[in-house]
Amino acid sequence: MPQLTRMLLLDTVHTALAAQPWVNALWEGGSAAFARDDQWSDVDLQADVPDAQVVETFAVVEAALGKVAKTELVFVVPEPAWHGHSQRFYRFADAPPWLILDFCVIRQGNPNKLIEPELHGTARVLFDRTGLFRQPPKIDRMALETKLQARLAQLTVRFELFQVLVIKEVWRQHPLDAAYFYQSLTLAPLIALLRLKHDPLRHDWSARYLHHVLPAEAAAKLTRLTYLADSAEIPAKQTEATAWFRQLAAELKAQPRLVPA
């Protein structure tokens, strides 16, 4: 078999699916859609197909992959998946471990195609037989505004209620529990507020790509609060993170809207 490369992986799937007349469209998303792909990027591909041919689509791709690489691991995303489609991840023998194929089969009957440019970037379209990308869908900003206002209210209450769980585990000298609660109950909601402030369209992306959207000063501060040399650092860092959370919450509540027009 030839040495598996990112381009060979892309070309293999592209050639296999282009030969199937029932495949409506094939495109590359992920970091490539944001022009951020580099030598460590995996391959994120999505294909739009009739609902009845989802299984056949995976069979075609896996047969093609078998001619250029040996698949050593496959993760099948349990269904129903959060996006309503079918998704599998493939890792290959004798290839860099980061050269993974993330392949999502988009059901034609599902209107959620995951292609809004404002949210998912500008897809690299390999072919489009049905005009899927002729007029990509836009985000419903009013609906999102309502959702984010509710999220802000929920995050604020939950944060204030559960900070005591962090410090209790410090007092009990349970460093594993204290660090876990600090990460999940203090830093995770803080990150959620930073998303609301700086990247509201991707409010639920957690820390993914966060270093691309945060101002340098905020990124440095969050990095410092995230890393712990010892559990003894938790009380002071939790105090600082709590003050920052409350400041952000007050700023966001004072804004006329969270989603830019």
Protein backbone atom coordinates (compact mmCIF):
# COMPACT_ATOMS: atom_id res chain seq x y z
CA MET A 1 0.00 0.00 0.00
CA PRO A 2 1.19 3.57 -0.62
CA GLN A 3 2.17 5.80 2.28
CA LEU A 4 -1.07 7.28 3.57
CA THR A 5 -1.12 11.06 3.45
CA ARG A 6 -3.82 13.62 4.07
CA MET A 7 -4.17 14.26 0.33
CA LEU A 8 -4.40 10.56 -0.48
CA LEU A 9 -7.08 10.13 2.17
CA LEU A 10 -9.08 13.05 0.76
CA ASP A 11 -8.70 11.88 -2.84
CA THR A 12 -9.69 8.31 -1.97
CA VAL A 13 -12.98 9.28 -0.38
CA HIS A 14 -13.65 11.94 -3.02
CA THR A 15 -13.13 9.50 -5.91
CA ALA A 16 -15.24 6.78 -4.29
CA LEU A 17 -18.22 9.01 -3.57
CA ALA A 18 -18.06 10.99 -6.82
CA ALA A 19 -18.65 7.67 -8.61
CA GLN A 20 -21.97 7.21 -6.80
CA PRO A 21 -24.72 9.22 -8.56
CA TRP A 22 -26.88 9.23 -5.43
CA VAL A 23 -24.36 11.19 -3.35
CA ASN A 24 -25.64 14.76 -3.43
CA ALA A 25 -22.59 16.60 -2.14
CA LEU A 26 -19.24 16.13 -0.46
CA TRP A 27 -17.33 18.78 1.45
CA GLU A 28 -14.49 19.30 3.89
CA GLY A 29 -15.22 21.07 7.16
CA GLY A 30 -13.45 21.35 10.49
CA SER A 31 -10.23 23.36 10.64
CA ALA A 32 -10.05 23.41 6.83
CA ALA A 33 -13.27 25.43 6.70
CA PHE A 34 -11.59 28.07 8.87
CA ALA A 35 -8.32 27.95 6.88
CA ARG A 36 -6.56 26.70 10.01
CA ASP A 37 -5.56 23.22 8.87
CA ASP A 38 -1.90 22.36 9.33
CA GLN A 39 0.40 19.34 9.37
CA TRP A 40 -1.43 17.90 12.39
CA SER A 41 -4.97 18.33 11.12
CA ASP A 42 -7.26 15.37 10.64
CA VAL A 43 -9.65 15.03 7.70
CA ASP A 44 -13.22 16.21 8.34
CA LEU A 45 -15.56 15.15 5.54
CA GLN A 46 -19.34 15.36 5.23
CA ALA A 47 -21.49 13.80 2.52
CA ASP A 48 -25.16 14.55 1.91
CA VAL A 49 -27.07 11.43 0.79
CA PRO A 50 -30.64 10.11 0.68
CA ASP A 51 -31.72 8.83 4.07
CA ALA A 52 -32.05 5.26 2.79
CA GLN A 53 -28.43 5.13 1.63
CA VAL A 54 -26.57 6.12 4.77
CA VAL A 55 -25.33 2.58 5.44
CA GLU A 56 -24.35 2.12 1.79
CA THR A 57 -22.33 5.33 1.90
CA PHE A 58 -20.21 4.04 4.77
CA ALA A 59 -19.75 0.73 2.94
CA VAL A 60 -18.49 2.51 -0.20
CA VAL A 61 -16.04 4.65 1.77
CA GLU A 62 -14.74 1.75 3.85
CA ALA A 63 -14.18 -0.38 0.75
CA ALA A 64 -12.20 2.45 -0.82
CA LEU A 65 -10.16 3.00 2.33
CA GLY A 66 -9.28 -0.68 2.38
CA LYS A 67 -7.36 -0.23 -0.88
CA VAL A 68 -5.02 2.45 0.45
CA ALA A 69 -4.75 1.81 4.20
CA LYS A 70 -5.36 -0.66 6.98
CA THR A 71 -7.97 0.64 9.40
CA GLU A 72 -6.99 -0.19 12.97
CA LEU A 73 -9.65 1.66 14.95
CA VAL A 74 -13.21 2.73 14.17
CA PHE A 75 -15.42 4.72 16.51
CA VAL A 76 -19.10 4.73 15.57
CA VAL A 77 -20.88 7.67 17.18
CA PRO A 78 -23.90 6.30 19.09
CA GLU A 79 -27.23 7.24 17.60
CA PRO A 80 -29.25 9.31 17.78
CA ALA A 81 -26.28 11.66 17.62
CA TRP A 82 -26.63 15.27 18.77
CA HIS A 83 -26.68 16.47 15.15
CA GLY A 84 -29.16 13.88 13.88
CA HIS A 85 -26.76 12.32 11.37
CA SER A 86 -24.39 9.32 11.27
CA GLN A 87 -20.71 9.74 12.05
CA ARG A 88 -17.63 7.53 12.26
CA PHE A 89 -13.96 8.14 13.07
CA TYR A 90 -11.19 6.05 11.49
CA ARG A 91 -7.56 5.64 12.54
CA PHE A 92 -5.10 3.85 10.29
CA ALA A 93 -2.11 1.58 10.83
CA ASP A 94 1.31 2.78 9.62
CA ALA A 95 0.08 6.38 9.54
CA PRO A 96 0.51 9.29 11.95
CA PRO A 97 -2.00 8.95 14.81
CA TRP A 98 -3.39 12.43 14.08
CA LEU A 99 -4.26 11.45 10.49
CA ILE A 100 -7.81 10.48 11.42
CA LEU A 101 -10.81 10.51 9.11
CA ASP A 102 -13.86 12.12 10.70
CA PHE A 103 -16.66 11.20 8.31
CA CYS A 104 -20.22 12.39 8.84
CA VAL A 105 -23.04 11.23 6.55
CA ILE A 106 -25.64 13.97 6.38
CA ARG A 107 -29.19 12.77 5.89
CA GLN A 108 -30.89 14.51 2.97
CA GLY A 109 -34.15 14.66 4.91
CA ASN A 110 -32.59 16.48 7.87
CA PRO A 111 -32.60 20.27 7.32
CA ASN A 112 -29.70 20.74 9.76
CA LYS A 113 -26.79 20.40 7.33
CA LEU A 114 -24.09 21.90 9.60
CA ILE A 115 -22.99 24.29 6.85
CA GLU A 116 -23.87 27.78 8.12
CA PRO A 117 -20.72 29.75 7.19
CA GLU A 118 -21.02 32.04 10.22
CA LEU A 119 -20.89 29.01 12.48
CA HIS A 120 -18.95 26.29 10.68
CA GLY A 121 -16.70 28.33 8.40
CA THR A 122 -16.49 28.20 4.62
CA ALA A 123 -16.64 24.57 3.60
CA ARG A 124 -14.25 23.28 0.93
CA VAL A 125 -16.82 21.86 -1.46
CA LEU A 126 -15.53 18.84 -3.40
CA PHE A 127 -18.75 18.47 -5.39
CA ASP A 128 -22.33 19.69 -5.07
CA ARG A 129 -24.89 18.14 -7.42
CA THR A 130 -28.03 19.55 -5.82
CA GLY A 131 -27.01 23.14 -5.12
CA LEU A 132 -26.73 22.62 -1.37
CA PHE A 133 -24.15 25.42 -1.12
CA ARG A 134 -25.82 27.76 -3.58
CA GLN A 135 -27.56 29.55 -0.71
CA PRO A 136 -26.15 28.27 2.59
CA PRO A 137 -28.56 28.65 5.51
CA LYS A 138 -28.28 31.56 7.89
CA ILE A 139 -28.48 31.49 11.67
CA ASP A 140 -31.81 32.44 13.22
CA ARG A 141 -30.40 35.21 15.39
CA MET A 142 -33.61 35.99 17.25
CA ALA A 143 -34.07 32.36 18.28
CA LEU A 144 -30.41 32.18 19.29
CA GLU A 145 -30.75 35.38 21.33
CA THR A 146 -33.61 33.85 23.32
CA LYS A 147 -31.57 30.69 23.88
CA LEU A 148 -28.49 32.59 25.03
CA GLN A 149 -30.39 34.80 27.44
CA ALA A 150 -31.76 31.65 29.08
CA ARG A 151 -28.28 30.12 29.11
CA LEU A 152 -26.80 33.19 30.79
CA ALA A 153 -29.44 33.07 33.53
CA GLN A 154 -28.89 29.36 34.08
CA LEU A 155 -25.09 29.64 34.16
CA THR A 156 -25.22 32.45 36.71
CA VAL A 157 -27.46 30.58 39.15
CA ARG A 158 -25.59 27.30 38.78
CA PHE A 159 -22.22 28.99 39.29
CA GLU A 160 -23.23 30.75 42.49
CA LEU A 161 -24.89 27.63 43.87
CA PHE A 162 -22.05 25.19 43.41
CA GLN A 163 -18.80 27.06 44.16
CA VAL A 164 -18.96 25.76 47.72
CA LEU A 165 -18.46 22.22 46.40
CA VAL A 166 -14.96 23.17 45.26
CA ILE A 167 -13.78 24.62 48.54
CA LYS A 168 -15.35 21.81 50.60
CA GLU A 169 -13.10 19.29 48.88
CA VAL A 170 -10.08 21.50 49.60
CA TRP A 171 -11.04 21.53 53.28
CA ARG A 172 -11.47 17.76 53.21
CA GLN A 173 -8.01 17.43 51.63
CA HIS A 174 -9.41 15.59 48.62
CA PRO A 175 -7.20 17.03 45.84
CA LEU A 176 -8.71 14.91 43.04
CA ASP A 177 -12.25 15.97 43.89
CA ALA A 178 -11.24 19.58 44.43
CA ALA A 179 -9.46 19.79 41.06
CA TYR A 180 -12.36 18.09 39.28
CA PHE A 181 -14.95 20.46 40.76
CA TYR A 182 -12.72 23.47 40.09
CA GLN A 183 -12.47 22.51 36.42
CA SER A 184 -16.14 21.60 35.95
CA LEU A 185 -17.95 24.02 38.26
CA THR A 186 -15.68 27.08 38.20
CA LEU A 187 -13.70 27.12 34.96
CA ALA A 188 -16.24 25.49 32.63
CA PRO A 189 -18.95 28.11 33.29
CA LEU A 190 -16.32 30.85 33.14
CA ILE A 191 -15.34 29.60 29.68
CA ALA A 192 -19.02 29.55 28.73
CA LEU A 193 -19.33 33.24 29.62
CA LEU A 194 -16.17 34.06 27.68
CA ARG A 195 -17.78 32.35 24.70
CA LEU A 196 -20.96 34.37 25.14
CA LYS A 197 -18.92 37.57 25.19
CA HIS A 198 -16.41 36.91 22.43
CA ASP A 199 -17.94 34.17 20.25
CA PRO A 200 -21.70 33.92 20.91
CA LEU A 201 -22.52 32.03 17.71
CA ARG A 202 -20.38 29.14 18.99
CA HIS A 203 -21.53 29.50 22.58
CA ASP A 204 -21.55 25.73 23.14
CA TRP A 205 -18.10 24.94 21.71
CA SER A 206 -16.48 25.01 25.18
CA ALA A 207 -12.71 25.65 24.85
CA ARG A 208 -12.52 24.49 21.22
CA TYR A 209 -10.69 27.12 19.12
CA LEU A 210 -10.97 29.47 22.11
CA HIS A 211 -7.41 30.72 21.66
CA HIS A 212 -8.46 32.07 18.25
CA VAL A 213 -11.27 34.24 19.60
CA LEU A 214 -10.10 35.50 22.99
CA PRO A 215 -8.06 38.69 23.35
CA ALA A 216 -4.48 37.85 24.25
CA GLU A 217 -4.81 39.19 27.79
CA ALA A 218 -7.93 37.13 28.49
CA ALA A 219 -6.35 34.00 26.99
CA ALA A 220 -3.26 34.42 29.18
CA LYS A 221 -5.39 34.94 32.29
CA LEU A 222 -7.53 31.89 31.58
CA THR A 223 -4.44 29.78 30.91
CA ARG A 224 -2.94 30.82 34.24
CA LEU A 225 -6.16 29.98 36.09
CA THR A 226 -6.44 26.62 34.33
CA TYR A 227 -3.09 25.11 35.23
CA LEU A 228 -2.50 23.98 38.81
CA ALA A 229 0.86 23.09 40.27
CA ASP A 230 -0.80 21.91 43.46
CA SER A 231 -4.29 21.75 44.93
CA ALA A 232 -3.19 24.41 47.42
CA GLU A 233 -3.53 26.91 44.55
CA ILE A 234 -7.24 26.23 44.14
CA PRO A 235 -8.69 28.64 46.75
CA ALA A 236 -6.88 31.71 45.43
CA LYS A 237 -7.49 30.83 41.80
CA GLN A 238 -11.14 30.05 42.48
CA THR A 239 -11.52 33.45 44.15
CA GLU A 240 -10.00 35.17 41.12
CA ALA A 241 -12.08 33.14 38.69
CA THR A 242 -15.25 33.87 40.65
CA ALA A 243 -14.62 37.61 40.52
CA TRP A 244 -14.01 37.38 36.78
CA PHE A 245 -17.18 35.34 36.26
CA ARG A 246 -19.28 37.87 38.14
CA GLN A 247 -17.75 40.75 36.19
CA LEU A 248 -18.50 39.04 32.88
CA ALA A 249 -22.02 38.13 33.97
CA ALA A 250 -22.73 41.75 34.89
CA GLU A 251 -21.36 42.98 31.56
CA LEU A 252 -23.41 40.48 29.57
CA LYS A 253 -26.61 41.23 31.46
CA ALA A 254 -26.13 44.94 30.76
CA GLN A 255 -25.85 44.37 27.02
CA PRO A 256 -29.03 45.01 25.01
CA ARG A 257 -28.43 41.72 23.17
CA LEU A 258 -25.89 38.90 23.18
CA VAL A 259 -26.05 37.96 19.49
CA PRO A 260 -24.72 40.61 17.10
CA ALA A 261 -27.23 41.79 14.52
